[in-house]
Amino acid sequence: MPIEAMVAEGDQVAVYFIFEGKHTGIPFFGIPATEKNVRFSLMMLLRIIDGKIIEKRSHVDVHNILRQLGVNS
């Protein structure tokens, strides 16, 4: 998952990824594996102290993923 953009200020780092993969394995929101390809963006805000991530907030467009899996949300 390559990093598309990253910005840091103070003890916080914002990272933007584009994830591409296949829905296999464990269920996603109760949906059994579909073997469908998915592509979605992921944004993370990390707080780092003494070189360690102590807090992580993330945002992903779940409705977009569900649409790609064929679920009408």
PDB file of N, CA and C in Angstrom:
ATOM      1  N   MET A   1       0.853  -1.157   0.000  1.00  0.00           N
ATOM      2  CA  MET A   1       0.000   0.000   0.000  1.00  0.00           C
ATOM      3  C   MET A   1       0.906   1.229   0.000  1.00  0.00           C
ATOM      4  N   PRO A   2       1.175   1.790  -1.163  1.00  0.00           N
ATOM      5  CA  PRO A   2       2.074   2.947  -1.232  1.00  0.00           C
ATOM      6  C   PRO A   2       1.439   4.196  -0.621  1.00  0.00           C
ATOM      7  N   ILE A   3       2.274   5.017  -0.038  1.00  0.00           N
ATOM      8  CA  ILE A   3       1.830   6.283   0.537  1.00  0.00           C
ATOM      9  C   ILE A   3       1.684   7.299  -0.589  1.00  0.00           C
ATOM     10  N   GLU A   4       0.497   7.899  -0.699  1.00  0.00           N
ATOM     11  CA  GLU A   4       0.232   8.918  -1.712  1.00  0.00           C
ATOM     12  C   GLU A   4       0.648  10.301  -1.221  1.00  0.00           C
ATOM     13  N   ALA A   5       0.451  10.566   0.074  1.00  0.00           N
ATOM     14  CA  ALA A   5       0.806  11.863   0.653  1.00  0.00           C
ATOM     15  C   ALA A   5       1.034  11.691   2.148  1.00  0.00           C
ATOM     16  N   MET A   6       1.932  12.535   2.686  1.00  0.00           N
ATOM     17  CA  MET A   6       2.203  12.498   4.114  1.00  0.00           C
ATOM     18  C   MET A   6       2.595  13.899   4.559  1.00  0.00           C
ATOM     19  N   VAL A   7       2.015  14.340   5.683  1.00  0.00           N
ATOM     20  CA  VAL A   7       2.308  15.653   6.246  1.00  0.00           C
ATOM     21  C   VAL A   7       2.533  15.472   7.738  1.00  0.00           C
ATOM     22  N   ALA A   8       3.562  16.132   8.262  1.00  0.00           N
ATOM     23  CA  ALA A   8       3.852  16.035   9.690  1.00  0.00           C
ATOM     24  C   ALA A   8       3.976  17.424  10.297  1.00  0.00           C
ATOM     25  N   GLU A   9       3.466  17.535  11.515  1.00  0.00           N
ATOM     26  CA  GLU A   9       3.626  18.766  12.282  1.00  0.00           C
ATOM     27  C   GLU A   9       3.592  18.404  13.756  1.00  0.00           C
ATOM     28  N   GLY A  10       4.615  18.833  14.476  1.00  0.00           N
ATOM     29  CA  GLY A  10       4.685  18.501  15.895  1.00  0.00           C
ATOM     30  C   GLY A  10       4.728  17.001  16.094  1.00  0.00           C
ATOM     31  N   ASP A  11       3.838  16.493  16.941  1.00  0.00           N
ATOM     32  CA  ASP A  11       3.817  15.051  17.223  1.00  0.00           C
ATOM     33  C   ASP A  11       2.771  14.302  16.382  1.00  0.00           C
ATOM     34  N   GLN A  12       2.239  14.967  15.331  1.00  0.00           N
ATOM     35  CA  GLN A  12       1.216  14.332  14.508  1.00  0.00           C
ATOM     36  C   GLN A  12       1.666  14.160  13.060  1.00  0.00           C
ATOM     37  N   VAL A  13       1.243  13.040  12.480  1.00  0.00           N
ATOM     38  CA  VAL A  13       1.539  12.738  11.083  1.00  0.00           C
ATOM     39  C   VAL A  13       0.232  12.312  10.418  1.00  0.00           C
ATOM     40  N   ALA A  14      -0.074  12.925   9.275  1.00  0.00           N
ATOM     41  CA  ALA A  14      -1.240  12.534   8.480  1.00  0.00           C
ATOM     42  C   ALA A  14      -0.732  11.784   7.253  1.00  0.00           C
ATOM     43  N   VAL A  15      -1.325  10.626   6.981  1.00  0.00           N
ATOM     44  CA  VAL A  15      -0.887   9.781   5.872  1.00  0.00           C
ATOM     45  C   VAL A  15      -2.106   9.402   5.029  1.00  0.00           C
ATOM     46  N   TYR A  16      -1.952   9.502   3.698  1.00  0.00           N
ATOM     47  CA  TYR A  16      -3.025   9.160   2.759  1.00  0.00           C
ATOM     48  C   TYR A  16      -2.545   8.017   1.874  1.00  0.00           C
ATOM     49  N   PHE A  17      -3.300   6.924   1.876  1.00  0.00           N
ATOM     50  CA  PHE A  17      -2.967   5.729   1.101  1.00  0.00           C
ATOM     51  C   PHE A  17      -4.068   5.449   0.085  1.00  0.00           C
ATOM     52  N   ILE A  18      -3.713   4.753  -0.973  1.00  0.00           N
ATOM     53  CA  ILE A  18      -4.692   4.116  -1.855  1.00  0.00           C
ATOM     54  C   ILE A  18      -4.459   2.613  -1.712  1.00  0.00           C
ATOM     55  N   PHE A  19      -5.476   1.906  -1.288  1.00  0.00           N
ATOM     56  CA  PHE A  19      -5.378   0.470  -1.078  1.00  0.00           C
ATOM     57  C   PHE A  19      -6.046  -0.253  -2.242  1.00  0.00           C
ATOM     58  N   GLU A  20      -5.376  -1.256  -2.766  1.00  0.00           N
ATOM     59  CA  GLU A  20      -5.949  -2.125  -3.795  1.00  0.00           C
ATOM     60  C   GLU A  20      -5.743  -3.562  -3.353  1.00  0.00           C
ATOM     61  N   GLY A  21      -6.785  -4.348  -3.424  1.00  0.00           N
ATOM     62  CA  GLY A  21      -6.658  -5.735  -3.016  1.00  0.00           C
ATOM     63  C   GLY A  21      -7.869  -6.546  -3.420  1.00  0.00           C
ATOM     64  N   LYS A  22      -7.916  -7.760  -2.923  1.00  0.00           N
ATOM     65  CA  LYS A  22      -9.009  -8.682  -3.235  1.00  0.00           C
ATOM     66  C   LYS A  22      -9.676  -9.079  -1.929  1.00  0.00           C
ATOM     67  N   HIS A  23     -11.000  -9.106  -1.938  1.00  0.00           N
ATOM     68  CA  HIS A  23     -11.782  -9.460  -0.757  1.00  0.00           C
ATOM     69  C   HIS A  23     -11.769 -10.981  -0.587  1.00  0.00           C
ATOM     70  N   THR A  24     -10.833 -11.450   0.229  1.00  0.00           N
ATOM     71  CA  THR A  24     -10.700 -12.882   0.507  1.00  0.00           C
ATOM     72  C   THR A  24     -10.643 -13.078   2.015  1.00  0.00           C
ATOM     73  N   GLY A  25     -10.698 -14.306   2.446  1.00  0.00           N
ATOM     74  CA  GLY A  25     -10.498 -14.605   3.860  1.00  0.00           C
ATOM     75  C   GLY A  25     -11.702 -14.301   4.731  1.00  0.00           C
ATOM     76  N   ILE A  26     -11.450 -13.577   5.820  1.00  0.00           N
ATOM     77  CA  ILE A  26     -12.497 -13.337   6.816  1.00  0.00           C
ATOM     78  C   ILE A  26     -13.573 -12.392   6.274  1.00  0.00           C
ATOM     79  N   PRO A  27     -14.796 -12.504   6.803  1.00  0.00           N
ATOM     80  CA  PRO A  27     -15.878 -11.614   6.365  1.00  0.00           C
ATOM     81  C   PRO A  27     -15.562 -10.145   6.665  1.00  0.00           C
ATOM     82  N   PHE A  28     -16.069  -9.267   5.817  1.00  0.00           N
ATOM     83  CA  PHE A  28     -15.939  -7.820   5.988  1.00  0.00           C
ATOM     84  C   PHE A  28     -17.331  -7.279   6.273  1.00  0.00           C
ATOM     85  N   PHE A  29     -17.534  -6.746   7.466  1.00  0.00           N
ATOM     86  CA  PHE A  29     -18.856  -6.277   7.897  1.00  0.00           C
ATOM     87  C   PHE A  29     -19.914  -7.361   7.687  1.00  0.00           C
ATOM     88  N   GLY A  30     -19.529  -8.609   7.980  1.00  0.00           N
ATOM     89  CA  GLY A  30     -20.459  -9.726   7.870  1.00  0.00           C
ATOM     90  C   GLY A  30     -20.625 -10.297   6.475  1.00  0.00           C
ATOM     91  N   ILE A  31     -19.913  -9.736   5.490  1.00  0.00           N
ATOM     92  CA  ILE A  31     -20.029 -10.206   4.105  1.00  0.00           C
ATOM     93  C   ILE A  31     -18.946 -11.248   3.852  1.00  0.00           C
ATOM     94  N   PRO A  32     -19.334 -12.492   3.542  1.00  0.00           N
ATOM     95  CA  PRO A  32     -18.324 -13.512   3.245  1.00  0.00           C
ATOM     96  C   PRO A  32     -17.461 -13.093   2.052  1.00  0.00           C
ATOM     97  N   ALA A  33     -16.266 -13.640   1.985  1.00  0.00           N
ATOM     98  CA  ALA A  33     -15.330 -13.302   0.907  1.00  0.00           C
ATOM     99  C   ALA A  33     -16.000 -13.426  -0.453  1.00  0.00           C
ATOM    100  N   THR A  34     -15.822 -12.387  -1.282  1.00  0.00           N
ATOM    101  CA  THR A  34     -16.446 -12.351  -2.608  1.00  0.00           C
ATOM    102  C   THR A  34     -15.449 -12.599  -3.730  1.00  0.00           C
ATOM    103  N   GLU A  35     -14.160 -12.550  -3.412  1.00  0.00           N
ATOM    104  CA  GLU A  35     -13.084 -12.661  -4.402  1.00  0.00           C
ATOM    105  C   GLU A  35     -13.060 -11.469  -5.361  1.00  0.00           C
ATOM    106  N   LYS A  36     -13.802 -10.400  -5.054  1.00  0.00           N
ATOM    107  CA  LYS A  36     -13.815  -9.208  -5.909  1.00  0.00           C
ATOM    108  C   LYS A  36     -12.640  -8.301  -5.567  1.00  0.00           C
ATOM    109  N   ASN A  37     -12.134  -7.616  -6.577  1.00  0.00           N
ATOM    110  CA  ASN A  37     -11.093  -6.616  -6.370  1.00  0.00           C
ATOM    111  C   ASN A  37     -11.729  -5.343  -5.830  1.00  0.00           C
ATOM    112  N   VAL A  38     -11.021  -4.681  -4.923  1.00  0.00           N
ATOM    113  CA  VAL A  38     -11.486  -3.411  -4.368  1.00  0.00           C
ATOM    114  C   VAL A  38     -10.350  -2.403  -4.412  1.00  0.00           C
ATOM    115  N   ARG A  39     -10.739  -1.130  -4.500  1.00  0.00           N
ATOM    116  CA  ARG A  39      -9.770  -0.027  -4.480  1.00  0.00           C
ATOM    117  C   ARG A  39     -10.411   1.100  -3.688  1.00  0.00           C
ATOM    118  N   PHE A  40      -9.708   1.576  -2.652  1.00  0.00           N
ATOM    119  CA  PHE A  40     -10.271   2.642  -1.834  1.00  0.00           C
ATOM    120  C   PHE A  40      -9.159   3.447  -1.175  1.00  0.00           C
ATOM    121  N   SER A  41      -9.524   4.652  -0.756  1.00  0.00           N
ATOM    122  CA  SER A  41      -8.556   5.506  -0.071  1.00  0.00           C
ATOM    123  C   SER A  41      -8.672   5.296   1.434  1.00  0.00           C
ATOM    124  N   LEU A  42      -7.575   5.564   2.105  1.00  0.00           N
ATOM    125  CA  LEU A  42      -7.486   5.416   3.553  1.00  0.00           C
ATOM    126  C   LEU A  42      -6.676   6.582   4.090  1.00  0.00           C
ATOM    127  N   MET A  43      -7.216   7.273   5.089  1.00  0.00           N
ATOM    128  CA  MET A  43      -6.525   8.404   5.703  1.00  0.00           C
ATOM    129  C   MET A  43      -6.261   8.065   7.159  1.00  0.00           C
ATOM    130  N   MET A  44      -5.033   8.292   7.610  1.00  0.00           N
ATOM    131  CA  MET A  44      -4.674   8.028   9.000  1.00  0.00           C
ATOM    132  C   MET A  44      -4.050   9.266   9.617  1.00  0.00           C
ATOM    133  N   LEU A  45      -4.399   9.516  10.862  1.00  0.00           N
ATOM    134  CA  LEU A  45      -3.755  10.561  11.647  1.00  0.00           C
ATOM    135  C   LEU A  45      -3.084   9.864  12.822  1.00  0.00           C
ATOM    136  N   LEU A  46      -1.777   9.974  12.880  1.00  0.00           N
ATOM    137  CA  LEU A  46      -0.993   9.294  13.907  1.00  0.00           C
ATOM    138  C   LEU A  46      -0.403  10.314  14.873  1.00  0.00           C
ATOM    139  N   ARG A  47      -0.353   9.957  16.138  1.00  0.00           N
ATOM    140  CA  ARG A  47       0.335  10.774  17.139  1.00  0.00           C
ATOM    141  C   ARG A  47       1.528   9.956  17.617  1.00  0.00           C
ATOM    142  N   ILE A  48       2.707  10.562  17.526  1.00  0.00           N
ATOM    143  CA  ILE A  48       3.946   9.843  17.813  1.00  0.00           C
ATOM    144  C   ILE A  48       4.687  10.533  18.951  1.00  0.00           C
ATOM    145  N   ILE A  49       5.066   9.748  19.945  1.00  0.00           N
ATOM    146  CA  ILE A  49       5.861  10.256  21.064  1.00  0.00           C
ATOM    147  C   ILE A  49       6.998   9.270  21.309  1.00  0.00           C
ATOM    148  N   ASP A  50       8.205   9.794  21.437  1.00  0.00           N
ATOM    149  CA  ASP A  50       9.408   8.974  21.654  1.00  0.00           C
ATOM    150  C   ASP A  50       9.545   7.882  20.593  1.00  0.00           C
ATOM    151  N   GLY A  51       9.211   8.211  19.346  1.00  0.00           N
ATOM    152  CA  GLY A  51       9.363   7.276  18.242  1.00  0.00           C
ATOM    153  C   GLY A  51       8.324   6.172  18.188  1.00  0.00           C
ATOM    154  N   LYS A  52       7.287   6.268  19.027  1.00  0.00           N
ATOM    155  CA  LYS A  52       6.251   5.235  19.061  1.00  0.00           C
ATOM    156  C   LYS A  52       4.892   5.846  18.743  1.00  0.00           C
ATOM    157  N   ILE A  53       4.102   5.109  17.982  1.00  0.00           N
ATOM    158  CA  ILE A  53       2.735   5.536  17.701  1.00  0.00           C
ATOM    159  C   ILE A  53       1.912   5.291  18.958  1.00  0.00           C
ATOM    160  N   ILE A  54       1.377   6.374  19.528  1.00  0.00           N
ATOM    161  CA  ILE A  54       0.581   6.217  20.743  1.00  0.00           C
ATOM    162  C   ILE A  54      -0.913   6.411  20.486  1.00  0.00           C
ATOM    163  N   GLU A  55      -1.242   6.937  19.312  1.00  0.00           N
ATOM    164  CA  GLU A  55      -2.652   7.128  18.967  1.00  0.00           C
ATOM    165  C   GLU A  55      -2.800   7.036  17.455  1.00  0.00           C
ATOM    166  N   LYS A  56      -3.867   6.394  17.021  1.00  0.00           N
ATOM    167  CA  LYS A  56      -4.136   6.278  15.581  1.00  0.00           C
ATOM    168  C   LYS A  56      -5.615   6.516  15.340  1.00  0.00           C
ATOM    169  N   ARG A  57      -5.887   7.416  14.426  1.00  0.00           N
ATOM    170  CA  ARG A  57      -7.256   7.631  13.962  1.00  0.00           C
ATOM    171  C   ARG A  57      -7.250   7.359  12.469  1.00  0.00           C
ATOM    172  N   SER A  58      -8.274   6.690  11.991  1.00  0.00           N
ATOM    173  CA  SER A  58      -8.300   6.403  10.557  1.00  0.00           C
ATOM    174  C   SER A  58      -9.701   6.598   9.997  1.00  0.00           C
ATOM    175  N   HIS A  59      -9.736   6.876   8.720  1.00  0.00           N
ATOM    176  CA  HIS A  59     -11.008   7.051   8.012  1.00  0.00           C
ATOM    177  C   HIS A  59     -10.924   6.291   6.697  1.00  0.00           C
ATOM    178  N   VAL A  60     -11.943   5.509   6.457  1.00  0.00           N
ATOM    179  CA  VAL A  60     -12.059   4.790   5.189  1.00  0.00           C
ATOM    180  C   VAL A  60     -13.519   4.884   4.748  1.00  0.00           C
ATOM    181  N   ASP A  61     -13.748   4.996   3.460  1.00  0.00           N
ATOM    182  CA  ASP A  61     -15.098   5.103   2.916  1.00  0.00           C
ATOM    183  C   ASP A  61     -15.698   3.700   2.795  1.00  0.00           C
ATOM    184  N   VAL A  62     -16.304   3.238   3.875  1.00  0.00           N
ATOM    185  CA  VAL A  62     -16.857   1.882   3.919  1.00  0.00           C
ATOM    186  C   VAL A  62     -17.963   1.705   2.880  1.00  0.00           C
ATOM    187  N   HIS A  63     -18.770   2.733   2.662  1.00  0.00           N
ATOM    188  CA  HIS A  63     -19.853   2.620   1.676  1.00  0.00           C
ATOM    189  C   HIS A  63     -19.298   2.348   0.274  1.00  0.00           C
ATOM    190  N   ASN A  64     -18.166   2.956  -0.045  1.00  0.00           N
ATOM    191  CA  ASN A  64     -17.520   2.714  -1.336  1.00  0.00           C
ATOM    192  C   ASN A  64     -17.074   1.252  -1.446  1.00  0.00           C
ATOM    193  N   ILE A  65     -16.505   0.728  -0.385  1.00  0.00           N
ATOM    194  CA  ILE A  65     -16.066  -0.673  -0.388  1.00  0.00           C
ATOM    195  C   ILE A  65     -17.270  -1.601  -0.554  1.00  0.00           C
ATOM    196  N   LEU A  66     -18.323  -1.348   0.210  1.00  0.00           N
ATOM    197  CA  LEU A  66     -19.523  -2.187   0.116  1.00  0.00           C
ATOM    198  C   LEU A  66     -20.113  -2.150  -1.288  1.00  0.00           C
ATOM    199  N   ARG A  67     -20.113  -0.971  -1.909  1.00  0.00           N
ATOM    200  CA  ARG A  67     -20.618  -0.846  -3.287  1.00  0.00           C
ATOM    201  C   ARG A  67     -19.790  -1.719  -4.229  1.00  0.00           C
ATOM    202  N   GLN A  68     -18.465  -1.703  -4.058  1.00  0.00           N
ATOM    203  CA  GLN A  68     -17.594  -2.504  -4.914  1.00  0.00           C
ATOM    204  C   GLN A  68     -17.802  -4.006  -4.696  1.00  0.00           C
ATOM    205  N   LEU A  69     -18.241  -4.362  -3.493  1.00  0.00           N
ATOM    206  CA  LEU A  69     -18.503  -5.771  -3.191  1.00  0.00           C
ATOM    207  C   LEU A  69     -19.898  -6.204  -3.631  1.00  0.00           C
ATOM    208  N   GLY A  70     -20.668  -5.249  -4.165  1.00  0.00           N
ATOM    209  CA  GLY A  70     -21.995  -5.581  -4.668  1.00  0.00           C
ATOM    210  C   GLY A  70     -23.100  -5.468  -3.648  1.00  0.00           C
ATOM    211  N   VAL A  71     -22.827  -4.789  -2.527  1.00  0.00           N
ATOM    212  CA  VAL A  71     -23.835  -4.607  -1.484  1.00  0.00           C
ATOM    213  C   VAL A  71     -24.463  -3.234  -1.659  1.00  0.00           C
ATOM    214  N   ASN A  72     -25.768  -3.179  -1.715  1.00  0.00           N
ATOM    215  CA  ASN A  72     -26.467  -1.891  -1.796  1.00  0.00           C
ATOM    216  C   ASN A  72     -26.681  -1.377  -0.386  1.00  0.00           C
ATOM    217  N   SER A  73     -25.967  -0.294  -0.034  1.00  0.00           N
ATOM    218  CA  SER A  73     -26.073   0.229   1.332  1.00  0.00           C
ATOM    219  C   SER A  73     -27.022   1.398   1.413  1.00  0.00           C
TER     220      SER A  73
END
